Amino acid sequence: MDLSGKSLTDGHLLRGLGGIGARAGVLLDDLDATLLPDRDAAPGGITLAGLLAAMDGPGAAEGRILFVCSNRPERLDPALLRDGRIDITLKLGDAAYDQAMRLYQLWHPDDTEGALDFARDGEGRSMAELQGRLLRGERPAGRPLSLVAGDSR
C-alpha cells in the first residue's frame, strides 16, 4: 500500500490491515516520507488518526507483527512511537569494516585484496551506498571493473 496515495482512505487501510491474520508480518516502509494530516485537514488519503486506528485500534488484527521503517524517525509523530505501537526499536547504522568486506565478497568472492580495500573505504558508510557502488560496477582504486558478480578479473 502506498500510504501517501490520495486513493487510499482510512477505511481502506483499516480493512486491509484488519484482514491480515495472526502469525503474519506487515511492513510499512519509509513512513517518515508519508505526510499524514490530522482528521480535519485531510482532503483525501489516510490520516494519522486512521493509521493509529489501523495499527492498534479495535479492528486491528491480533497476533500480527507490524514493521515500520523510517530513514528519519525524528519526523514521526510521537503518537506512532509510544509503547504498545512501537515496542522494539532497532537502528541500522553504517557499515562496520567486516560488513563492508562481506558485502564485497558476495559480489567478488575471489578478490580478497579488493575486499580489504573496499572494507577500508566502506567502513562508516551506509550499506545502501555500498550496495549502490557494487551495482554500478565500482571497485576499489586500482582494481579493474567487472560487470559480472563474482568475476574477480
C-alpha atoms as a PDB file:
ATOM      1  CA  MET A   1       0.000   0.000   0.000  1.00  0.00           C
ATOM      2  CA  ASP A   2       1.208   3.465  -0.844  1.00  0.00           C
ATOM      3  CA  LEU A   3       0.279   5.345   2.307  1.00  0.00           C
ATOM      4  CA  SER A   4       0.785   8.686   0.599  1.00  0.00           C
ATOM      5  CA  GLY A   5      -1.678   7.969  -2.232  1.00  0.00           C
ATOM      6  CA  LYS A   6      -4.875  10.007  -2.180  1.00  0.00           C
ATOM      7  CA  SER A   7      -6.928   6.980  -3.266  1.00  0.00           C
ATOM      8  CA  LEU A   8      -6.118   5.097  -0.051  1.00  0.00           C
ATOM      9  CA  THR A   9      -8.521   6.112   2.694  1.00  0.00           C
ATOM     10  CA  ASP A  10      -8.618   5.423   6.413  1.00  0.00           C
ATOM     11  CA  GLY A  11     -11.315   2.827   5.737  1.00  0.00           C
ATOM     12  CA  HIS A  12      -9.229   1.033   3.103  1.00  0.00           C
ATOM     13  CA  LEU A  13      -6.271   0.923   5.455  1.00  0.00           C
ATOM     14  CA  LEU A  14      -8.350  -0.300   8.391  1.00  0.00           C
ATOM     15  CA  ARG A  15      -9.900  -3.095   6.290  1.00  0.00           C
ATOM     16  CA  GLY A  16      -6.573  -4.006   4.696  1.00  0.00           C
ATOM     17  CA  LEU A  17      -4.589  -4.275   7.907  1.00  0.00           C
ATOM     18  CA  GLY A  18      -7.557  -5.709   9.817  1.00  0.00           C
ATOM     19  CA  GLY A  19      -7.867  -8.517   7.266  1.00  0.00           C
ATOM     20  CA  ILE A  20      -4.358  -9.759   7.896  1.00  0.00           C
ATOM     21  CA  GLY A  21      -4.487 -12.761  10.151  1.00  0.00           C
ATOM     22  CA  ALA A  22      -2.382 -13.887  13.054  1.00  0.00           C
ATOM     23  CA  ARG A  23       1.203 -15.008  12.537  1.00  0.00           C
ATOM     24  CA  ALA A  24       1.708 -12.504   9.732  1.00  0.00           C
ATOM     25  CA  GLY A  25       4.038  -9.572   9.286  1.00  0.00           C
ATOM     26  CA  VAL A  26       3.250  -6.243   7.653  1.00  0.00           C
ATOM     27  CA  LEU A  27       5.870  -3.744   6.503  1.00  0.00           C
ATOM     28  CA  LEU A  28       5.191  -0.011   6.386  1.00  0.00           C
ATOM     29  CA  ASP A  29       8.297   1.311   4.640  1.00  0.00           C
ATOM     30  CA  ASP A  30       9.508   4.917   4.633  1.00  0.00           C
ATOM     31  CA  LEU A  31       6.762   6.023   6.988  1.00  0.00           C
ATOM     32  CA  ASP A  32       8.610   9.304   7.572  1.00  0.00           C
ATOM     33  CA  ALA A  33       8.128  10.174   3.889  1.00  0.00           C
ATOM     34  CA  THR A  34       4.346   9.906   4.222  1.00  0.00           C
ATOM     35  CA  LEU A  35       2.726  13.148   5.298  1.00  0.00           C
ATOM     36  CA  LEU A  36      -0.235  12.265   7.469  1.00  0.00           C
ATOM     37  CA  PRO A  37      -2.624  15.153   8.052  1.00  0.00           C
ATOM     38  CA  ASP A  38      -4.943  15.247  11.022  1.00  0.00           C
ATOM     39  CA  ARG A  39      -8.501  14.077  10.509  1.00  0.00           C
ATOM     40  CA  ASP A  40      -9.921  17.564   9.836  1.00  0.00           C
ATOM     41  CA  ALA A  41      -7.298  18.608   7.275  1.00  0.00           C
ATOM     42  CA  ALA A  42      -7.432  15.509   5.078  1.00  0.00           C
ATOM     43  CA  PRO A  43      -8.974  16.142   1.649  1.00  0.00           C
ATOM     44  CA  GLY A  44      -8.227  12.532   0.691  1.00  0.00           C
ATOM     45  CA  GLY A  45      -5.854   9.787   1.649  1.00  0.00           C
ATOM     46  CA  ILE A  46      -5.213   8.442   5.098  1.00  0.00           C
ATOM     47  CA  THR A  47      -4.865  10.436   8.280  1.00  0.00           C
ATOM     48  CA  LEU A  48      -2.719   9.985  11.345  1.00  0.00           C
ATOM     49  CA  ALA A  49      -5.843   9.027  13.291  1.00  0.00           C
ATOM     50  CA  GLY A  50      -6.681   6.415  10.645  1.00  0.00           C
ATOM     51  CA  LEU A  51      -3.188   4.932  10.754  1.00  0.00           C
ATOM     52  CA  LEU A  52      -3.240   4.721  14.544  1.00  0.00           C
ATOM     53  CA  ALA A  53      -6.638   3.013  14.464  1.00  0.00           C
ATOM     54  CA  ALA A  54      -5.411   0.511  11.867  1.00  0.00           C
ATOM     55  CA  MET A  55      -2.271  -0.221  13.883  1.00  0.00           C
ATOM     56  CA  ASP A  56      -3.864  -0.941  17.240  1.00  0.00           C
ATOM     57  CA  GLY A  57      -7.486   0.134  17.292  1.00  0.00           C
ATOM     58  CA  PRO A  58     -10.485  -2.137  17.951  1.00  0.00           C
ATOM     59  CA  GLY A  59     -10.345  -3.638  14.434  1.00  0.00           C
ATOM     60  CA  ALA A  60      -6.615  -4.339  14.469  1.00  0.00           C
ATOM     61  CA  ALA A  61      -5.585  -7.934  13.889  1.00  0.00           C
ATOM     62  CA  GLU A  62      -4.263  -9.840  16.881  1.00  0.00           C
ATOM     63  CA  GLY A  63      -1.047 -11.785  16.563  1.00  0.00           C
ATOM     64  CA  ARG A  64       0.442  -9.906  13.627  1.00  0.00           C
ATOM     65  CA  ILE A  65       3.753  -8.114  13.673  1.00  0.00           C
ATOM     66  CA  LEU A  66       3.922  -4.647  12.203  1.00  0.00           C
ATOM     67  CA  PHE A  67       7.313  -3.456  10.959  1.00  0.00           C
ATOM     68  CA  VAL A  68       7.759   0.266  10.463  1.00  0.00           C
ATOM     69  CA  CYS A  69      10.827   1.553   8.642  1.00  0.00           C
ATOM     70  CA  SER A  70      11.958   5.150   8.694  1.00  0.00           C
ATOM     71  CA  ASN A  71      15.057   6.931   7.484  1.00  0.00           C
ATOM     72  CA  ARG A  72      14.177   9.905   9.690  1.00  0.00           C
ATOM     73  CA  PRO A  73      12.377   8.694  12.831  1.00  0.00           C
ATOM     74  CA  GLU A  74      12.523  12.183  14.312  1.00  0.00           C
ATOM     75  CA  ARG A  75       9.904  13.175  11.718  1.00  0.00           C
ATOM     76  CA  LEU A  76       7.387  10.635  13.009  1.00  0.00           C
ATOM     77  CA  ASP A  77       4.553  11.804  15.195  1.00  0.00           C
ATOM     78  CA  PRO A  78       5.185  10.855  18.847  1.00  0.00           C
ATOM     79  CA  ALA A  79       1.811   9.056  18.900  1.00  0.00           C
ATOM     80  CA  LEU A  80       3.274   6.498  16.469  1.00  0.00           C
ATOM     81  CA  LEU A  81       6.266   5.831  18.694  1.00  0.00           C
ATOM     82  CA  ARG A  82       4.619   5.172  22.039  1.00  0.00           C
ATOM     83  CA  ASP A  83       4.928   1.806  23.779  1.00  0.00           C
ATOM     84  CA  GLY A  84       2.306  -0.601  22.533  1.00  0.00           C
ATOM     85  CA  ARG A  85       2.646   0.665  18.977  1.00  0.00           C
ATOM     86  CA  ILE A  86       6.400   0.527  18.560  1.00  0.00           C
ATOM     87  CA  ASP A  87       7.716  -1.913  21.169  1.00  0.00           C
ATOM     88  CA  ILE A  88      11.183  -2.530  19.778  1.00  0.00           C
ATOM     89  CA  THR A  89      13.369  -0.007  18.000  1.00  0.00           C
ATOM     90  CA  LEU A  90      16.451  -1.063  16.066  1.00  0.00           C
ATOM     91  CA  LYS A  91      18.845   1.358  14.456  1.00  0.00           C
ATOM     92  CA  LEU A  92      20.578   0.001  11.409  1.00  0.00           C
ATOM     93  CA  GLY A  93      23.700   2.122  11.365  1.00  0.00           C
ATOM     94  CA  ASP A  94      26.548   2.465   8.970  1.00  0.00           C
ATOM     95  CA  ALA A  95      28.623  -0.473   7.850  1.00  0.00           C
ATOM     96  CA  ALA A  96      31.318  -1.907  10.036  1.00  0.00           C
ATOM     97  CA  TYR A  97      34.576  -2.984   8.425  1.00  0.00           C
ATOM     98  CA  ASP A  98      33.633  -6.680   8.358  1.00  0.00           C
ATOM     99  CA  GLN A  99      30.153  -5.950   6.953  1.00  0.00           C
ATOM    100  CA  ALA A 100      31.615  -3.956   4.052  1.00  0.00           C
ATOM    101  CA  MET A 101      34.124  -6.720   3.391  1.00  0.00           C
ATOM    102  CA  ARG A 102      31.454  -9.461   3.410  1.00  0.00           C
ATOM    103  CA  LEU A 103      29.217  -7.429   1.094  1.00  0.00           C
ATOM    104  CA  TYR A 104      32.057  -7.030  -1.394  1.00  0.00           C
ATOM    105  CA  GLN A 105      32.843 -10.751  -1.187  1.00  0.00           C
ATOM    106  CA  LEU A 106      29.261 -11.579  -2.166  1.00  0.00           C
ATOM    107  CA  TRP A 107      29.957  -9.886  -5.483  1.00  0.00           C
ATOM    108  CA  HIS A 108      33.612 -10.795  -5.870  1.00  0.00           C
ATOM    109  CA  PRO A 109      34.324 -13.937  -3.821  1.00  0.00           C
ATOM    110  CA  ASP A 110      37.808 -14.477  -5.237  1.00  0.00           C
ATOM    111  CA  ASP A 111      39.090 -10.917  -4.742  1.00  0.00           C
ATOM    112  CA  THR A 112      40.418 -10.911  -1.170  1.00  0.00           C
ATOM    113  CA  GLU A 113      42.682  -7.895  -1.685  1.00  0.00           C
ATOM    114  CA  GLY A 114      39.809  -5.926  -3.230  1.00  0.00           C
ATOM    115  CA  ALA A 115      37.576  -6.879  -0.300  1.00  0.00           C
ATOM    116  CA  LEU A 116      40.115  -5.479   2.164  1.00  0.00           C
ATOM    117  CA  ASP A 117      40.376  -2.221   0.179  1.00  0.00           C
ATOM    118  CA  PHE A 118      36.587  -1.951  -0.173  1.00  0.00           C
ATOM    119  CA  ALA A 119      36.133  -2.565   3.553  1.00  0.00           C
ATOM    120  CA  ARG A 120      38.677   0.134   4.478  1.00  0.00           C
ATOM    121  CA  ASP A 121      36.906   2.646   2.225  1.00  0.00           C
ATOM    122  CA  GLY A 122      33.401   1.437   3.082  1.00  0.00           C
ATOM    123  CA  GLU A 123      33.611   1.428   6.870  1.00  0.00           C
ATOM    124  CA  GLY A 124      31.297   4.102   8.267  1.00  0.00           C
ATOM    125  CA  ARG A 125      29.223   4.404   5.092  1.00  0.00           C
ATOM    126  CA  SER A 126      25.671   3.153   4.708  1.00  0.00           C
ATOM    127  CA  MET A 127      25.106  -0.352   3.394  1.00  0.00           C
ATOM    128  CA  ALA A 128      22.792   1.160   0.766  1.00  0.00           C
ATOM    129  CA  GLU A 129      25.624   3.354  -0.522  1.00  0.00           C
ATOM    130  CA  LEU A 130      27.999   0.399  -0.646  1.00  0.00           C
ATOM    131  CA  GLN A 131      25.455  -1.750  -2.467  1.00  0.00           C
ATOM    132  CA  GLY A 132      24.923   1.097  -4.933  1.00  0.00           C
ATOM    133  CA  ARG A 133      28.643   1.196  -5.645  1.00  0.00           C
ATOM    134  CA  LEU A 134      28.668  -2.511  -6.359  1.00  0.00           C
ATOM    135  CA  LEU A 135      25.568  -2.277  -8.550  1.00  0.00           C
ATOM    136  CA  ARG A 136      27.314   0.431 -10.593  1.00  0.00           C
ATOM    137  CA  GLY A 137      30.301  -1.885 -11.011  1.00  0.00           C
ATOM    138  CA  GLU A 138      32.636   0.256  -8.910  1.00  0.00           C
ATOM    139  CA  ARG A 139      35.707  -1.423  -7.499  1.00  0.00           C
ATOM    140  CA  PRO A 140      38.390  -0.171  -5.095  1.00  0.00           C
ATOM    141  CA  ALA A 141      41.065   2.094  -6.584  1.00  0.00           C
ATOM    142  CA  GLY A 142      43.459   0.213  -8.824  1.00  0.00           C
ATOM    143  CA  ARG A 143      41.127  -2.773  -9.287  1.00  0.00           C
ATOM    144  CA  PRO A 144      39.676  -3.434 -12.767  1.00  0.00           C
ATOM    145  CA  LEU A 145      35.925  -3.106 -13.266  1.00  0.00           C
ATOM    146  CA  SER A 146      33.776  -6.166 -13.806  1.00  0.00           C
ATOM    147  CA  LEU A 147      30.115  -6.213 -14.784  1.00  0.00           C
ATOM    148  CA  VAL A 148      29.604  -9.805 -13.673  1.00  0.00           C
ATOM    149  CA  ALA A 149      29.140 -10.502  -9.983  1.00  0.00           C
ATOM    150  CA  GLY A 150      31.714 -12.961  -8.771  1.00  0.00           C
ATOM    151  CA  ASP A 151      34.198 -12.144 -11.568  1.00  0.00           C
ATOM    152  CA  SER A 152      37.451 -11.023  -9.947  1.00  0.00           C
ATOM    153  CA  ARG A 153      39.319 -10.197 -13.155  1.00  0.00           C
END
